[in-house]
Amino acid sequence: MITTSYDLDADAFSLWLAPPGAVSARTEEVAPGVMLDFDEAGELLGIEVLSVRARGMSVASLPVPVRPAAE
């Protein structure tokens, strides 16, 4: 099951490719602010992109659930 989310506080977009409950065994930063999560077998579980707005992406255009900023 693929899930996506955007966190306003962290300005981070997340794409999770694994089933719910899967746990990352290793995270690798492949480019500045772009992280890949892998399981024990080295299979890709998810992708996280930090500083989304600084990359020129419009938050309003993201087709994902947006977690509101903390008050």
PDB file of N, CA and C in Angstrom:
ATOM      1  N   MET A   1       0.840  -1.173   0.000  1.00  0.00           N
ATOM      2  CA  MET A   1       0.000   0.000   0.000  1.00  0.00           C
ATOM      3  C   MET A   1       0.891   1.243   0.000  1.00  0.00           C
ATOM      4  N   ILE A   2       0.616   2.161  -0.880  1.00  0.00           N
ATOM      5  CA  ILE A   2       1.389   3.398  -0.972  1.00  0.00           C
ATOM      6  C   ILE A   2       0.639   4.497  -0.238  1.00  0.00           C
ATOM      7  N   THR A   3       1.355   5.189   0.648  1.00  0.00           N
ATOM      8  CA  THR A   3       0.761   6.330   1.343  1.00  0.00           C
ATOM      9  C   THR A   3       1.682   7.536   1.165  1.00  0.00           C
ATOM     10  N   THR A   4       1.066   8.702   1.152  1.00  0.00           N
ATOM     11  CA  THR A   4       1.819   9.939   1.039  1.00  0.00           C
ATOM     12  C   THR A   4       1.341  10.897   2.115  1.00  0.00           C
ATOM     13  N   SER A   5       2.220  11.801   2.511  1.00  0.00           N
ATOM     14  CA  SER A   5       1.824  12.831   3.469  1.00  0.00           C
ATOM     15  C   SER A   5       2.768  14.017   3.333  1.00  0.00           C
ATOM     16  N   TYR A   6       2.293  15.132   3.863  1.00  0.00           N
ATOM     17  CA  TYR A   6       3.106  16.336   3.910  1.00  0.00           C
ATOM     18  C   TYR A   6       2.964  16.924   5.301  1.00  0.00           C
ATOM     19  N   ASP A   7       4.075  17.209   5.950  1.00  0.00           N
ATOM     20  CA  ASP A   7       4.095  17.780   7.291  1.00  0.00           C
ATOM     21  C   ASP A   7       4.462  19.255   7.190  1.00  0.00           C
ATOM     22  N   LEU A   8       3.498  20.135   7.538  1.00  0.00           N
ATOM     23  CA  LEU A   8       3.732  21.581   7.449  1.00  0.00           C
ATOM     24  C   LEU A   8       4.875  22.047   8.342  1.00  0.00           C
ATOM     25  N   ASP A   9       4.919  21.535   9.583  1.00  0.00           N
ATOM     26  CA  ASP A   9       5.971  21.964  10.521  1.00  0.00           C
ATOM     27  C   ASP A   9       7.359  21.627   9.999  1.00  0.00           C
ATOM     28  N   ALA A  10       7.518  20.428   9.496  1.00  0.00           N
ATOM     29  CA  ALA A  10       8.828  19.975   9.013  1.00  0.00           C
ATOM     30  C   ALA A  10       9.073  20.352   7.556  1.00  0.00           C
ATOM     31  N   ASP A  11       8.019  20.804   6.852  1.00  0.00           N
ATOM     32  CA  ASP A  11       8.089  21.069   5.411  1.00  0.00           C
ATOM     33  C   ASP A  11       8.669  19.853   4.706  1.00  0.00           C
ATOM     34  N   ALA A  12       8.066  18.685   5.012  1.00  0.00           N
ATOM     35  CA  ALA A  12       8.578  17.418   4.506  1.00  0.00           C
ATOM     36  C   ALA A  12       7.477  16.602   3.829  1.00  0.00           C
ATOM     37  N   PHE A  13       7.788  16.098   2.644  1.00  0.00           N
ATOM     38  CA  PHE A  13       6.907  15.218   1.893  1.00  0.00           C
ATOM     39  C   PHE A  13       7.397  13.795   2.090  1.00  0.00           C
ATOM     40  N   SER A  14       6.468  12.874   2.307  1.00  0.00           N
ATOM     41  CA  SER A  14       6.824  11.479   2.529  1.00  0.00           C
ATOM     42  C   SER A  14       6.013  10.572   1.617  1.00  0.00           C
ATOM     43  N   LEU A  15       6.686   9.620   0.992  1.00  0.00           N
ATOM     44  CA  LEU A  15       6.069   8.593   0.170  1.00  0.00           C
ATOM     45  C   LEU A  15       6.467   7.253   0.781  1.00  0.00           C
ATOM     46  N   TRP A  16       5.491   6.512   1.314  1.00  0.00           N
ATOM     47  CA  TRP A  16       5.771   5.242   1.980  1.00  0.00           C
ATOM     48  C   TRP A  16       5.244   4.129   1.095  1.00  0.00           C
ATOM     49  N   LEU A  17       6.120   3.226   0.665  1.00  0.00           N
ATOM     50  CA  LEU A  17       5.780   2.166  -0.271  1.00  0.00           C
ATOM     51  C   LEU A  17       5.450   0.845   0.405  1.00  0.00           C
ATOM     52  N   ALA A  18       5.777   0.710   1.653  1.00  0.00           N
ATOM     53  CA  ALA A  18       5.639  -0.551   2.381  1.00  0.00           C
ATOM     54  C   ALA A  18       4.275  -0.644   3.064  1.00  0.00           C
ATOM     55  N   PRO A  19       3.900  -1.862   3.442  1.00  0.00           N
ATOM     56  CA  PRO A  19       2.643  -2.015   4.173  1.00  0.00           C
ATOM     57  C   PRO A  19       2.729  -1.377   5.560  1.00  0.00           C
ATOM     58  N   PRO A  20       1.576  -1.018   6.136  1.00  0.00           N
ATOM     59  CA  PRO A  20       1.578  -0.449   7.487  1.00  0.00           C
ATOM     60  C   PRO A  20       2.309  -1.363   8.462  1.00  0.00           C
ATOM     61  N   GLY A  21       3.077  -0.758   9.334  1.00  0.00           N
ATOM     62  CA  GLY A  21       3.815  -1.526  10.336  1.00  0.00           C
ATOM     63  C   GLY A  21       5.222  -1.907   9.920  1.00  0.00           C
ATOM     64  N   ALA A  22       5.561  -1.741   8.638  1.00  0.00           N
ATOM     65  CA  ALA A  22       6.923  -2.054   8.192  1.00  0.00           C
ATOM     66  C   ALA A  22       7.885  -1.065   8.852  1.00  0.00           C
ATOM     67  N   VAL A  23       9.056  -1.575   9.215  1.00  0.00           N
ATOM     68  CA  VAL A  23      10.022  -0.763   9.937  1.00  0.00           C
ATOM     69  C   VAL A  23      11.293  -0.596   9.107  1.00  0.00           C
ATOM     70  N   SER A  24      11.768   0.629   9.042  1.00  0.00           N
ATOM     71  CA  SER A  24      13.002   0.914   8.325  1.00  0.00           C
ATOM     72  C   SER A  24      14.200   0.419   9.136  1.00  0.00           C
ATOM     73  N   ALA A  25      15.102  -0.286   8.456  1.00  0.00           N
ATOM     74  CA  ALA A  25      16.324  -0.757   9.100  1.00  0.00           C
ATOM     75  C   ALA A  25      17.487   0.183   8.823  1.00  0.00           C
ATOM     76  N   ARG A  26      17.361   0.965   7.746  1.00  0.00           N
ATOM     77  CA  ARG A  26      18.470   1.841   7.341  1.00  0.00           C
ATOM     78  C   ARG A  26      17.913   3.003   6.542  1.00  0.00           C
ATOM     79  N   THR A  27      18.441   4.193   6.777  1.00  0.00           N
ATOM     80  CA  THR A  27      18.079   5.382   6.020  1.00  0.00           C
ATOM     81  C   THR A  27      19.335   5.928   5.373  1.00  0.00           C
ATOM     82  N   GLU A  28      19.218   6.259   4.093  1.00  0.00           N
ATOM     83  CA  GLU A  28      20.370   6.779   3.353  1.00  0.00           C
ATOM     84  C   GLU A  28      19.985   8.114   2.715  1.00  0.00           C
ATOM     85  N   GLU A  29      20.813   9.137   2.941  1.00  0.00           N
ATOM     86  CA  GLU A  29      20.592  10.426   2.291  1.00  0.00           C
ATOM     87  C   GLU A  29      21.265  10.361   0.924  1.00  0.00           C
ATOM     88  N   VAL A  30      20.463  10.370  -0.150  1.00  0.00           N
ATOM     89  CA  VAL A  30      20.984  10.216  -1.505  1.00  0.00           C
ATOM     90  C   VAL A  30      21.255  11.544  -2.199  1.00  0.00           C
ATOM     91  N   ALA A  31      20.707  12.610  -1.668  1.00  0.00           N
ATOM     92  CA  ALA A  31      20.938  13.978  -2.136  1.00  0.00           C
ATOM     93  C   ALA A  31      20.589  14.870  -0.950  1.00  0.00           C
ATOM     94  N   PRO A  32      21.025  16.107  -0.937  1.00  0.00           N
ATOM     95  CA  PRO A  32      20.698  16.964   0.202  1.00  0.00           C
ATOM     96  C   PRO A  32      19.184  17.023   0.449  1.00  0.00           C
ATOM     97  N   GLY A  33      18.780  16.561   1.618  1.00  0.00           N
ATOM     98  CA  GLY A  33      17.379  16.594   2.000  1.00  0.00           C
ATOM     99  C   GLY A  33      16.503  15.536   1.366  1.00  0.00           C
ATOM    100  N   VAL A  34      17.100  14.543   0.718  1.00  0.00           N
ATOM    101  CA  VAL A  34      16.330  13.440   0.121  1.00  0.00           C
ATOM    102  C   VAL A  34      16.811  12.132   0.753  1.00  0.00           C
ATOM    103  N   MET A  35      15.898  11.506   1.530  1.00  0.00           N
ATOM    104  CA  MET A  35      16.236  10.294   2.256  1.00  0.00           C
ATOM    105  C   MET A  35      15.472   9.091   1.719  1.00  0.00           C
ATOM    106  N   LEU A  36      16.158   7.955   1.668  1.00  0.00           N
ATOM    107  CA  LEU A  36      15.523   6.699   1.297  1.00  0.00           C
ATOM    108  C   LEU A  36      15.572   5.765   2.498  1.00  0.00           C
ATOM    109  N   ASP A  37      14.464   5.088   2.773  1.00  0.00           N
ATOM    110  CA  ASP A  37      14.391   4.109   3.857  1.00  0.00           C
ATOM    111  C   ASP A  37      14.363   2.708   3.273  1.00  0.00           C
ATOM    112  N   PHE A  38      15.162   1.814   3.867  1.00  0.00           N
ATOM    113  CA  PHE A  38      15.272   0.438   3.392  1.00  0.00           C
ATOM    114  C   PHE A  38      14.970  -0.540   4.520  1.00  0.00           C
ATOM    115  N   ASP A  39      14.491  -1.734   4.159  1.00  0.00           N
ATOM    116  CA  ASP A  39      14.279  -2.783   5.155  1.00  0.00           C
ATOM    117  C   ASP A  39      15.563  -3.594   5.314  1.00  0.00           C
ATOM    118  N   GLU A  40      15.501  -4.647   6.133  1.00  0.00           N
ATOM    119  CA  GLU A  40      16.678  -5.487   6.401  1.00  0.00           C
ATOM    120  C   GLU A  40      17.261  -6.119   5.138  1.00  0.00           C
ATOM    121  N   ALA A  41      16.395  -6.408   4.145  1.00  0.00           N
ATOM    122  CA  ALA A  41      16.837  -7.048   2.902  1.00  0.00           C
ATOM    123  C   ALA A  41      17.329  -6.045   1.865  1.00  0.00           C
ATOM    124  N   GLY A  42      17.281  -4.754   2.194  1.00  0.00           N
ATOM    125  CA  GLY A  42      17.733  -3.735   1.267  1.00  0.00           C
ATOM    126  C   GLY A  42      16.658  -3.253   0.306  1.00  0.00           C
ATOM    127  N   GLU A  43      15.407  -3.653   0.538  1.00  0.00           N
ATOM    128  CA  GLU A  43      14.298  -3.221  -0.307  1.00  0.00           C
ATOM    129  C   GLU A  43      13.859  -1.814   0.103  1.00  0.00           C
ATOM    130  N   LEU A  44      13.547  -0.985  -0.882  1.00  0.00           N
ATOM    131  CA  LEU A  44      13.123   0.384  -0.625  1.00  0.00           C
ATOM    132  C   LEU A  44      11.744   0.397   0.026  1.00  0.00           C
ATOM    133  N   LEU A  45      11.633   1.084   1.164  1.00  0.00           N
ATOM    134  CA  LEU A  45      10.367   1.210   1.878  1.00  0.00           C
ATOM    135  C   LEU A  45       9.726   2.570   1.681  1.00  0.00           C
ATOM    136  N   GLY A  46      10.549   3.622   1.614  1.00  0.00           N
ATOM    137  CA  GLY A  46       9.976   4.955   1.539  1.00  0.00           C
ATOM    138  C   GLY A  46      10.976   6.008   1.124  1.00  0.00           C
ATOM    139  N   ILE A  47      10.410   7.172   0.786  1.00  0.00           N
ATOM    140  CA  ILE A  47      11.198   8.319   0.351  1.00  0.00           C
ATOM    141  C   ILE A  47      10.702   9.539   1.122  1.00  0.00           C
ATOM    142  N   GLU A  48      11.628  10.342   1.619  1.00  0.00           N
ATOM    143  CA  GLU A  48      11.258  11.578   2.291  1.00  0.00           C
ATOM    144  C   GLU A  48      12.049  12.724   1.670  1.00  0.00           C
ATOM    145  N   VAL A  49      11.340  13.822   1.386  1.00  0.00           N
ATOM    146  CA  VAL A  49      11.965  15.016   0.822  1.00  0.00           C
ATOM    147  C   VAL A  49      11.743  16.153   1.800  1.00  0.00           C
ATOM    148  N   LEU A  50      12.843  16.761   2.266  1.00  0.00           N
ATOM    149  CA  LEU A  50      12.785  17.891   3.189  1.00  0.00           C
ATOM    150  C   LEU A  50      12.860  19.206   2.422  1.00  0.00           C
ATOM    151  N   SER A  51      12.444  20.281   3.065  1.00  0.00           N
ATOM    152  CA  SER A  51      12.500  21.634   2.487  1.00  0.00           C
ATOM    153  C   SER A  51      11.755  21.701   1.155  1.00  0.00           C
ATOM    154  N   VAL A  52      10.540  21.188   1.164  1.00  0.00           N
ATOM    155  CA  VAL A  52       9.738  21.132  -0.056  1.00  0.00           C
ATOM    156  C   VAL A  52       9.527  22.519  -0.659  1.00  0.00           C
ATOM    157  N   ARG A  53       9.141  23.486   0.163  1.00  0.00           N
ATOM    158  CA  ARG A  53       8.867  24.837  -0.364  1.00  0.00           C
ATOM    159  C   ARG A  53      10.128  25.480  -0.927  1.00  0.00           C
ATOM    160  N   ALA A  54      11.274  25.235  -0.309  1.00  0.00           N
ATOM    161  CA  ALA A  54      12.531  25.809  -0.800  1.00  0.00           C
ATOM    162  C   ALA A  54      12.929  25.213  -2.154  1.00  0.00           C
ATOM    163  N   ARG A  55      12.369  24.061  -2.478  1.00  0.00           N
ATOM    164  CA  ARG A  55      12.646  23.416  -3.765  1.00  0.00           C
ATOM    165  C   ARG A  55      11.725  23.939  -4.864  1.00  0.00           C
ATOM    166  N   GLY A  56      10.881  24.917  -4.503  1.00  0.00           N
ATOM    167  CA  GLY A  56      10.008  25.532  -5.489  1.00  0.00           C
ATOM    168  C   GLY A  56       8.686  24.821  -5.700  1.00  0.00           C
ATOM    169  N   MET A  57       8.397  23.842  -4.857  1.00  0.00           N
ATOM    170  CA  MET A  57       7.130  23.134  -4.975  1.00  0.00           C
ATOM    171  C   MET A  57       6.051  23.897  -4.225  1.00  0.00           C
ATOM    172  N   SER A  58       4.887  23.979  -4.805  1.00  0.00           N
ATOM    173  CA  SER A  58       3.754  24.602  -4.135  1.00  0.00           C
ATOM    174  C   SER A  58       3.093  23.561  -3.245  1.00  0.00           C
ATOM    175  N   VAL A  59       2.993  23.863  -1.981  1.00  0.00           N
ATOM    176  CA  VAL A  59       2.373  22.940  -1.032  1.00  0.00           C
ATOM    177  C   VAL A  59       0.928  22.671  -1.432  1.00  0.00           C
ATOM    178  N   ALA A  60       0.244  23.674  -1.933  1.00  0.00           N
ATOM    179  CA  ALA A  60      -1.158  23.513  -2.325  1.00  0.00           C
ATOM    180  C   ALA A  60      -1.318  22.529  -3.479  1.00  0.00           C
ATOM    181  N   SER A  61      -0.278  22.324  -4.269  1.00  0.00           N
ATOM    182  CA  SER A  61      -0.379  21.421  -5.420  1.00  0.00           C
ATOM    183  C   SER A  61      -0.080  19.969  -5.072  1.00  0.00           C
ATOM    184  N   LEU A  62       0.369  19.710  -3.856  1.00  0.00           N
ATOM    185  CA  LEU A  62       0.676  18.334  -3.466  1.00  0.00           C
ATOM    186  C   LEU A  62      -0.608  17.537  -3.297  1.00  0.00           C
ATOM    187  N   PRO A  63      -0.745  16.416  -3.987  1.00  0.00           N
ATOM    188  CA  PRO A  63      -1.955  15.602  -3.883  1.00  0.00           C
ATOM    189  C   PRO A  63      -1.887  14.638  -2.700  1.00  0.00           C
ATOM    190  N   VAL A  64      -1.646  15.184  -1.516  1.00  0.00           N
ATOM    191  CA  VAL A  64      -1.456  14.330  -0.338  1.00  0.00           C
ATOM    192  C   VAL A  64      -2.164  14.934   0.865  1.00  0.00           C
ATOM    193  N   PRO A  65      -2.438  14.112   1.869  1.00  0.00           N
ATOM    194  CA  PRO A  65      -2.954  14.670   3.115  1.00  0.00           C
ATOM    195  C   PRO A  65      -1.904  15.594   3.744  1.00  0.00           C
ATOM    196  N   VAL A  66      -2.333  16.717   4.248  1.00  0.00           N
ATOM    197  CA  VAL A  66      -1.426  17.670   4.870  1.00  0.00           C
ATOM    198  C   VAL A  66      -1.705  17.710   6.354  1.00  0.00           C
ATOM    199  N   ARG A  67      -0.652  17.437   7.155  1.00  0.00           N
ATOM    200  CA  ARG A  67      -0.775  17.555   8.608  1.00  0.00           C
ATOM    201  C   ARG A  67      -0.649  19.026   8.967  1.00  0.00           C
ATOM    202  N   PRO A  68      -1.623  19.584   9.676  1.00  0.00           N
ATOM    203  CA  PRO A  68      -1.553  21.010  10.002  1.00  0.00           C
ATOM    204  C   PRO A  68      -0.386  21.318  10.940  1.00  0.00           C
ATOM    205  N   ALA A  69       0.024  22.558  10.885  1.00  0.00           N
ATOM    206  CA  ALA A  69       1.108  23.013  11.763  1.00  0.00           C
ATOM    207  C   ALA A  69       0.614  22.987  13.211  1.00  0.00           C
ATOM    208  N   ALA A  70       1.523  22.724  14.116  1.00  0.00           N
ATOM    209  CA  ALA A  70       1.185  22.719  15.556  1.00  0.00           C
ATOM    210  C   ALA A  70       0.869  24.136  15.976  1.00  0.00           C
ATOM    211  N   GLU A  71      -0.077  24.261  16.882  1.00  0.00           N
ATOM    212  CA  GLU A  71      -0.460  25.593  17.365  1.00  0.00           C
ATOM    213  C   GLU A  71       0.313  25.984  18.585  1.00  0.00           C
TER     214      GLU A  71
END
